[in-house]
Amino acid sequence: MAYRIDEYLDKVNDGSKLVSRKDKGFAVRLRADYQMPFEPLKLFVNLSHENIDSTFGNFDRTLAGLGAQLVF
């Protein structure tokens, strides 16, 4: 879990004017690995959620991923 505050040095364009951007948010990331009986193969799943309150817009994003790692 992480909490962060971002202040941008340069102004950003919101479509009609330049505005100062400041973000506050938190993120949660989880990862689980499973070692297969076949030694070189490992499966994993990643889950993450991020919530950001910004002067430029608010973001709420959840991501999930599933993968395999093969090591020789």
PDB file of N, CA and C in Angstrom:
ATOM      1  N   MET A   1       0.851  -1.160   0.000  1.00  0.00           N
ATOM      2  CA  MET A   1       0.000   0.000   0.000  1.00  0.00           C
ATOM      3  C   MET A   1       0.901   1.228   0.000  1.00  0.00           C
ATOM      4  N   ALA A   2       0.509   2.213  -0.760  1.00  0.00           N
ATOM      5  CA  ALA A   2       1.311   3.433  -0.846  1.00  0.00           C
ATOM      6  C   ALA A   2       0.396   4.646  -0.938  1.00  0.00           C
ATOM      7  N   TYR A   3       0.823   5.732  -0.321  1.00  0.00           N
ATOM      8  CA  TYR A   3       0.126   7.017  -0.419  1.00  0.00           C
ATOM      9  C   TYR A   3       1.113   8.007  -1.003  1.00  0.00           C
ATOM     10  N   ARG A   4       0.657   8.833  -1.928  1.00  0.00           N
ATOM     11  CA  ARG A   4       1.596   9.783  -2.525  1.00  0.00           C
ATOM     12  C   ARG A   4       0.916  11.113  -2.813  1.00  0.00           C
ATOM     13  N   ILE A   5       1.740  12.143  -2.874  1.00  0.00           N
ATOM     14  CA  ILE A   5       1.315  13.486  -3.269  1.00  0.00           C
ATOM     15  C   ILE A   5       2.260  13.937  -4.373  1.00  0.00           C
ATOM     16  N   ASP A   6       1.711  14.282  -5.523  1.00  0.00           N
ATOM     17  CA  ASP A   6       2.498  14.744  -6.664  1.00  0.00           C
ATOM     18  C   ASP A   6       2.156  16.193  -6.962  1.00  0.00           C
ATOM     19  N   GLU A   7       3.172  17.037  -7.042  1.00  0.00           N
ATOM     20  CA  GLU A   7       2.997  18.422  -7.475  1.00  0.00           C
ATOM     21  C   GLU A   7       3.813  18.617  -8.741  1.00  0.00           C
ATOM     22  N   TYR A   8       3.171  19.022  -9.818  1.00  0.00           N
ATOM     23  CA  TYR A   8       3.820  19.172 -11.106  1.00  0.00           C
ATOM     24  C   TYR A   8       4.434  20.559 -11.233  1.00  0.00           C
ATOM     25  N   LEU A   9       5.641  20.630 -11.766  1.00  0.00           N
ATOM     26  CA  LEU A   9       6.335  21.907 -11.914  1.00  0.00           C
ATOM     27  C   LEU A   9       5.705  22.772 -12.998  1.00  0.00           C
ATOM     28  N   ASP A  10       5.315  22.143 -14.106  1.00  0.00           N
ATOM     29  CA  ASP A  10       4.721  22.880 -15.219  1.00  0.00           C
ATOM     30  C   ASP A  10       3.207  22.769 -15.180  1.00  0.00           C
ATOM     31  N   LYS A  11       2.544  23.808 -15.646  1.00  0.00           N
ATOM     32  CA  LYS A  11       1.083  23.786 -15.720  1.00  0.00           C
ATOM     33  C   LYS A  11       0.654  22.858 -16.850  1.00  0.00           C
ATOM     34  N   VAL A  12      -0.555  22.284 -16.721  1.00  0.00           N
ATOM     35  CA  VAL A  12      -1.095  21.379 -17.730  1.00  0.00           C
ATOM     36  C   VAL A  12      -2.333  22.011 -18.366  1.00  0.00           C
ATOM     37  N   ASN A  13      -2.604  21.614 -19.595  1.00  0.00           N
ATOM     38  CA  ASN A  13      -3.728  22.154 -20.342  1.00  0.00           C
ATOM     39  C   ASN A  13      -4.967  21.312 -20.059  1.00  0.00           C
ATOM     40  N   ASP A  14      -6.034  21.939 -19.557  1.00  0.00           N
ATOM     41  CA  ASP A  14      -7.267  21.194 -19.288  1.00  0.00           C
ATOM     42  C   ASP A  14      -8.270  21.332 -20.428  1.00  0.00           C
ATOM     43  N   GLY A  15      -7.836  21.806 -21.570  1.00  0.00           N
ATOM     44  CA  GLY A  15      -8.701  21.959 -22.736  1.00  0.00           C
ATOM     45  C   GLY A  15      -8.963  23.406 -23.083  1.00  0.00           C
ATOM     46  N   SER A  16      -9.075  24.256 -22.060  1.00  0.00           N
ATOM     47  CA  SER A  16      -9.356  25.672 -22.334  1.00  0.00           C
ATOM     48  C   SER A  16      -8.329  26.611 -21.707  1.00  0.00           C
ATOM     49  N   LYS A  17      -7.607  26.152 -20.702  1.00  0.00           N
ATOM     50  CA  LYS A  17      -6.619  27.009 -20.034  1.00  0.00           C
ATOM     51  C   LYS A  17      -5.558  26.156 -19.360  1.00  0.00           C
ATOM     52  N   LEU A  18      -4.477  26.793 -18.947  1.00  0.00           N
ATOM     53  CA  LEU A  18      -3.417  26.112 -18.217  1.00  0.00           C
ATOM     54  C   LEU A  18      -3.729  26.167 -16.726  1.00  0.00           C
ATOM     55  N   VAL A  19      -3.593  25.021 -16.063  1.00  0.00           N
ATOM     56  CA  VAL A  19      -3.876  24.944 -14.629  1.00  0.00           C
ATOM     57  C   VAL A  19      -2.721  24.259 -13.910  1.00  0.00           C
ATOM     58  N   SER A  20      -2.534  24.598 -12.638  1.00  0.00           N
ATOM     59  CA  SER A  20      -1.555  23.914 -11.799  1.00  0.00           C
ATOM     60  C   SER A  20      -2.128  22.559 -11.428  1.00  0.00           C
ATOM     61  N   ARG A  21      -1.290  21.540 -11.478  1.00  0.00           N
ATOM     62  CA  ARG A  21      -1.764  20.184 -11.189  1.00  0.00           C
ATOM     63  C   ARG A  21      -1.132  19.669  -9.909  1.00  0.00           C
ATOM     64  N   LYS A  22      -1.978  19.135  -9.039  1.00  0.00           N
ATOM     65  CA  LYS A  22      -1.533  18.496  -7.806  1.00  0.00           C
ATOM     66  C   LYS A  22      -2.382  17.242  -7.616  1.00  0.00           C
ATOM     67  N   ASP A  23      -1.725  16.102  -7.398  1.00  0.00           N
ATOM     68  CA  ASP A  23      -2.418  14.821  -7.224  1.00  0.00           C
ATOM     69  C   ASP A  23      -2.181  14.290  -5.818  1.00  0.00           C
ATOM     70  N   LYS A  24      -3.211  13.692  -5.254  1.00  0.00           N
ATOM     71  CA  LYS A  24      -3.113  12.951  -3.997  1.00  0.00           C
ATOM     72  C   LYS A  24      -3.771  11.605  -4.240  1.00  0.00           C
ATOM     73  N   GLY A  25      -3.127  10.546  -3.801  1.00  0.00           N
ATOM     74  CA  GLY A  25      -3.745   9.247  -4.043  1.00  0.00           C
ATOM     75  C   GLY A  25      -3.100   8.124  -3.282  1.00  0.00           C
ATOM     76  N   PHE A  26      -3.745   6.970  -3.401  1.00  0.00           N
ATOM     77  CA  PHE A  26      -3.195   5.768  -2.787  1.00  0.00           C
ATOM     78  C   PHE A  26      -3.281   4.618  -3.777  1.00  0.00           C
ATOM     79  N   ALA A  27      -2.431   3.636  -3.550  1.00  0.00           N
ATOM     80  CA  ALA A  27      -2.404   2.463  -4.416  1.00  0.00           C
ATOM     81  C   ALA A  27      -2.190   1.222  -3.558  1.00  0.00           C
ATOM     82  N   VAL A  28      -2.841   0.141  -3.974  1.00  0.00           N
ATOM     83  CA  VAL A  28      -2.687  -1.158  -3.331  1.00  0.00           C
ATOM     84  C   VAL A  28      -2.300  -2.142  -4.423  1.00  0.00           C
ATOM     85  N   ARG A  29      -1.251  -2.910  -4.186  1.00  0.00           N
ATOM     86  CA  ARG A  29      -0.798  -3.894  -5.160  1.00  0.00           C
ATOM     87  C   ARG A  29      -0.577  -5.241  -4.469  1.00  0.00           C
ATOM     88  N   LEU A  30      -1.098  -6.294  -5.096  1.00  0.00           N
ATOM     89  CA  LEU A  30      -0.929  -7.647  -4.576  1.00  0.00           C
ATOM     90  C   LEU A  30      -0.402  -8.544  -5.681  1.00  0.00           C
ATOM     91  N   ARG A  31       0.464  -9.483  -5.308  1.00  0.00           N
ATOM     92  CA  ARG A  31       0.978 -10.455  -6.266  1.00  0.00           C
ATOM     93  C   ARG A  31       1.078 -11.795  -5.561  1.00  0.00           C
ATOM     94  N   ALA A  32       0.619 -12.837  -6.255  1.00  0.00           N
ATOM     95  CA  ALA A  32       0.739 -14.198  -5.738  1.00  0.00           C
ATOM     96  C   ALA A  32       1.442 -15.046  -6.788  1.00  0.00           C
ATOM     97  N   ASP A  33       2.424 -15.819  -6.351  1.00  0.00           N
ATOM     98  CA  ASP A  33       3.178 -16.707  -7.237  1.00  0.00           C
ATOM     99  C   ASP A  33       2.885 -18.155  -6.855  1.00  0.00           C
ATOM    100  N   TYR A  34       2.841 -19.024  -7.865  1.00  0.00           N
ATOM    101  CA  TYR A  34       2.663 -20.454  -7.636  1.00  0.00           C
ATOM    102  C   TYR A  34       3.738 -21.202  -8.409  1.00  0.00           C
ATOM    103  N   GLN A  35       4.571 -21.935  -7.671  1.00  0.00           N
ATOM    104  CA  GLN A  35       5.618 -22.740  -8.301  1.00  0.00           C
ATOM    105  C   GLN A  35       5.018 -24.063  -8.734  1.00  0.00           C
ATOM    106  N   MET A  36       4.992 -24.289 -10.038  1.00  0.00           N
ATOM    107  CA  MET A  36       4.435 -25.516 -10.590  1.00  0.00           C
ATOM    108  C   MET A  36       5.327 -26.703 -10.241  1.00  0.00           C
ATOM    109  N   PRO A  37       4.763 -27.936 -10.209  1.00  0.00           N
ATOM    110  CA  PRO A  37       5.602 -29.128  -9.982  1.00  0.00           C
ATOM    111  C   PRO A  37       6.696 -29.263 -11.042  1.00  0.00           C
ATOM    112  N   PHE A  38       6.415 -28.806 -12.272  1.00  0.00           N
ATOM    113  CA  PHE A  38       7.435 -28.737 -13.325  1.00  0.00           C
ATOM    114  C   PHE A  38       8.311 -27.528 -13.009  1.00  0.00           C
ATOM    115  N   GLU A  39       9.486 -27.764 -12.479  1.00  0.00           N
ATOM    116  CA  GLU A  39      10.359 -26.748 -11.857  1.00  0.00           C
ATOM    117  C   GLU A  39      10.528 -25.428 -12.621  1.00  0.00           C
ATOM    118  N   PRO A  40      10.793 -25.418 -13.934  1.00  0.00           N
ATOM    119  CA  PRO A  40      11.058 -24.140 -14.593  1.00  0.00           C
ATOM    120  C   PRO A  40       9.826 -23.242 -14.788  1.00  0.00           C
ATOM    121  N   LEU A  41       8.617 -23.741 -14.508  1.00  0.00           N
ATOM    122  CA  LEU A  41       7.402 -22.970 -14.767  1.00  0.00           C
ATOM    123  C   LEU A  41       6.814 -22.411 -13.479  1.00  0.00           C
ATOM    124  N   LYS A  42       6.544 -21.105 -13.491  1.00  0.00           N
ATOM    125  CA  LYS A  42       5.925 -20.431 -12.348  1.00  0.00           C
ATOM    126  C   LYS A  42       4.740 -19.618 -12.873  1.00  0.00           C
ATOM    127  N   LEU A  43       3.592 -19.718 -12.212  1.00  0.00           N
ATOM    128  CA  LEU A  43       2.417 -18.917 -12.555  1.00  0.00           C
ATOM    129  C   LEU A  43       2.277 -17.787 -11.546  1.00  0.00           C
ATOM    130  N   PHE A  44       1.726 -16.663 -11.991  1.00  0.00           N
ATOM    131  CA  PHE A  44       1.516 -15.552 -11.068  1.00  0.00           C
ATOM    132  C   PHE A  44       0.263 -14.770 -11.448  1.00  0.00           C
ATOM    133  N   VAL A  45      -0.278 -14.069 -10.468  1.00  0.00           N
ATOM    134  CA  VAL A  45      -1.412 -13.171 -10.679  1.00  0.00           C
ATOM    135  C   VAL A  45      -1.083 -11.847  -9.987  1.00  0.00           C
ATOM    136  N   ASN A  46      -1.375 -10.742 -10.672  1.00  0.00           N
ATOM    137  CA  ASN A  46      -1.174  -9.393 -10.133  1.00  0.00           C
ATOM    138  C   ASN A  46      -2.520  -8.702 -10.030  1.00  0.00           C
ATOM    139  N   LEU A  47      -2.785  -8.055  -8.904  1.00  0.00           N
ATOM    140  CA  LEU A  47      -3.978  -7.240  -8.724  1.00  0.00           C
ATOM    141  C   LEU A  47      -3.541  -5.880  -8.206  1.00  0.00           C
ATOM    142  N   SER A  48      -4.112  -4.820  -8.741  1.00  0.00           N
ATOM    143  CA  SER A  48      -3.780  -3.488  -8.247  1.00  0.00           C
ATOM    144  C   SER A  48      -4.993  -2.578  -8.332  1.00  0.00           C
ATOM    145  N   HIS A  49      -5.039  -1.643  -7.397  1.00  0.00           N
ATOM    146  CA  HIS A  49      -6.093  -0.630  -7.384  1.00  0.00           C
ATOM    147  C   HIS A  49      -5.445   0.704  -7.064  1.00  0.00           C
ATOM    148  N   GLU A  50      -5.834   1.726  -7.803  1.00  0.00           N
ATOM    149  CA  GLU A  50      -5.271   3.064  -7.599  1.00  0.00           C
ATOM    150  C   GLU A  50      -6.405   4.082  -7.611  1.00  0.00           C
ATOM    151  N   ASN A  51      -6.379   4.987  -6.637  1.00  0.00           N
ATOM    152  CA  ASN A  51      -7.366   6.057  -6.543  1.00  0.00           C
ATOM    153  C   ASN A  51      -6.617   7.371  -6.401  1.00  0.00           C
ATOM    154  N   ILE A  52      -6.848   8.309  -7.332  1.00  0.00           N
ATOM    155  CA  ILE A  52      -6.138   9.582  -7.318  1.00  0.00           C
ATOM    156  C   ILE A  52      -7.140  10.728  -7.405  1.00  0.00           C
ATOM    157  N   ASP A  53      -7.035  11.657  -6.465  1.00  0.00           N
ATOM    158  CA  ASP A  53      -7.790  12.907  -6.510  1.00  0.00           C
ATOM    159  C   ASP A  53      -6.847  13.980  -7.021  1.00  0.00           C
ATOM    160  N   SER A  54      -7.243  14.642  -8.096  1.00  0.00           N
ATOM    161  CA  SER A  54      -6.356  15.586  -8.763  1.00  0.00           C
ATOM    162  C   SER A  54      -7.093  16.870  -9.094  1.00  0.00           C
ATOM    163  N   THR A  55      -6.340  17.960  -9.185  1.00  0.00           N
ATOM    164  CA  THR A  55      -6.922  19.209  -9.661  1.00  0.00           C
ATOM    165  C   THR A  55      -7.196  19.134 -11.156  1.00  0.00           C
ATOM    166  N   PHE A  56      -6.669  18.117 -11.820  1.00  0.00           N
ATOM    167  CA  PHE A  56      -6.845  17.916 -13.261  1.00  0.00           C
ATOM    168  C   PHE A  56      -7.967  16.930 -13.572  1.00  0.00           C
ATOM    169  N   GLY A  57      -8.336  16.110 -12.629  1.00  0.00           N
ATOM    170  CA  GLY A  57      -9.372  15.091 -12.801  1.00  0.00           C
ATOM    171  C   GLY A  57      -9.142  13.963 -11.813  1.00  0.00           C
ATOM    172  N   ASN A  58     -10.171  13.232 -11.495  1.00  0.00           N
ATOM    173  CA  ASN A  58     -10.047  12.128 -10.538  1.00  0.00           C
ATOM    174  C   ASN A  58      -9.968  10.809 -11.291  1.00  0.00           C
ATOM    175  N   PHE A  59      -9.156   9.906 -10.772  1.00  0.00           N
ATOM    176  CA  PHE A  59      -8.921   8.624 -11.412  1.00  0.00           C
ATOM    177  C   PHE A  59      -9.173   7.503 -10.410  1.00  0.00           C
ATOM    178  N   ASP A  60      -9.840   6.463 -10.854  1.00  0.00           N
ATOM    179  CA  ASP A  60     -10.077   5.273 -10.047  1.00  0.00           C
ATOM    180  C   ASP A  60      -9.888   4.084 -10.975  1.00  0.00           C
ATOM    181  N   ARG A  61      -8.833   3.294 -10.740  1.00  0.00           N
ATOM    182  CA  ARG A  61      -8.471   2.254 -11.706  1.00  0.00           C
ATOM    183  C   ARG A  61      -8.132   0.958 -10.975  1.00  0.00           C
ATOM    184  N   THR A  62      -8.669  -0.148 -11.503  1.00  0.00           N
ATOM    185  CA  THR A  62      -8.362  -1.475 -10.996  1.00  0.00           C
ATOM    186  C   THR A  62      -7.837  -2.319 -12.157  1.00  0.00           C
ATOM    187  N   LEU A  63      -6.724  -2.995 -11.932  1.00  0.00           N
ATOM    188  CA  LEU A  63      -6.099  -3.821 -12.960  1.00  0.00           C
ATOM    189  C   LEU A  63      -5.858  -5.224 -12.418  1.00  0.00           C
ATOM    190  N   ALA A  64      -5.965  -6.202 -13.304  1.00  0.00           N
ATOM    191  CA  ALA A  64      -5.662  -7.592 -12.951  1.00  0.00           C
ATOM    192  C   ALA A  64      -4.844  -8.211 -14.069  1.00  0.00           C
ATOM    193  N   GLY A  65      -3.899  -9.028 -13.712  1.00  0.00           N
ATOM    194  CA  GLY A  65      -3.067  -9.697 -14.707  1.00  0.00           C
ATOM    195  C   GLY A  65      -2.740 -11.119 -14.280  1.00  0.00           C
ATOM    196  N   LEU A  66      -2.618 -11.982 -15.247  1.00  0.00           N
ATOM    197  CA  LEU A  66      -2.265 -13.377 -15.017  1.00  0.00           C
ATOM    198  C   LEU A  66      -1.142 -13.722 -15.965  1.00  0.00           C
ATOM    199  N   GLY A  67      -0.123 -14.410 -15.477  1.00  0.00           N
ATOM    200  CA  GLY A  67       1.009 -14.706 -16.347  1.00  0.00           C
ATOM    201  C   GLY A  67       1.752 -15.961 -15.947  1.00  0.00           C
ATOM    202  N   ALA A  68       2.707 -16.280 -16.771  1.00  0.00           N
ATOM    203  CA  ALA A  68       3.570 -17.437 -16.531  1.00  0.00           C
ATOM    204  C   ALA A  68       5.008 -17.021 -16.765  1.00  0.00           C
ATOM    205  N   GLN A  69       5.909 -17.617 -16.001  1.00  0.00           N
ATOM    206  CA  GLN A  69       7.334 -17.341 -16.139  1.00  0.00           C
ATOM    207  C   GLN A  69       8.031 -18.687 -16.356  1.00  0.00           C
ATOM    208  N   LEU A  70       8.802 -18.769 -17.409  1.00  0.00           N
ATOM    209  CA  LEU A  70       9.535 -19.981 -17.738  1.00  0.00           C
ATOM    210  C   LEU A  70      11.021 -19.680 -17.628  1.00  0.00           C
ATOM    211  N   VAL A  71      11.723 -20.386 -16.788  1.00  0.00           N
ATOM    212  CA  VAL A  71      13.140 -20.128 -16.521  1.00  0.00           C
ATOM    213  C   VAL A  71      13.954 -21.352 -16.923  1.00  0.00           C
ATOM    214  N   PHE A  72      14.992 -21.120 -17.711  1.00  0.00           N
ATOM    215  CA  PHE A  72      15.897 -22.205 -18.116  1.00  0.00           C
ATOM    216  C   PHE A  72      17.218 -22.049 -17.438  1.00  0.00           C
TER     217      PHE A  72
END
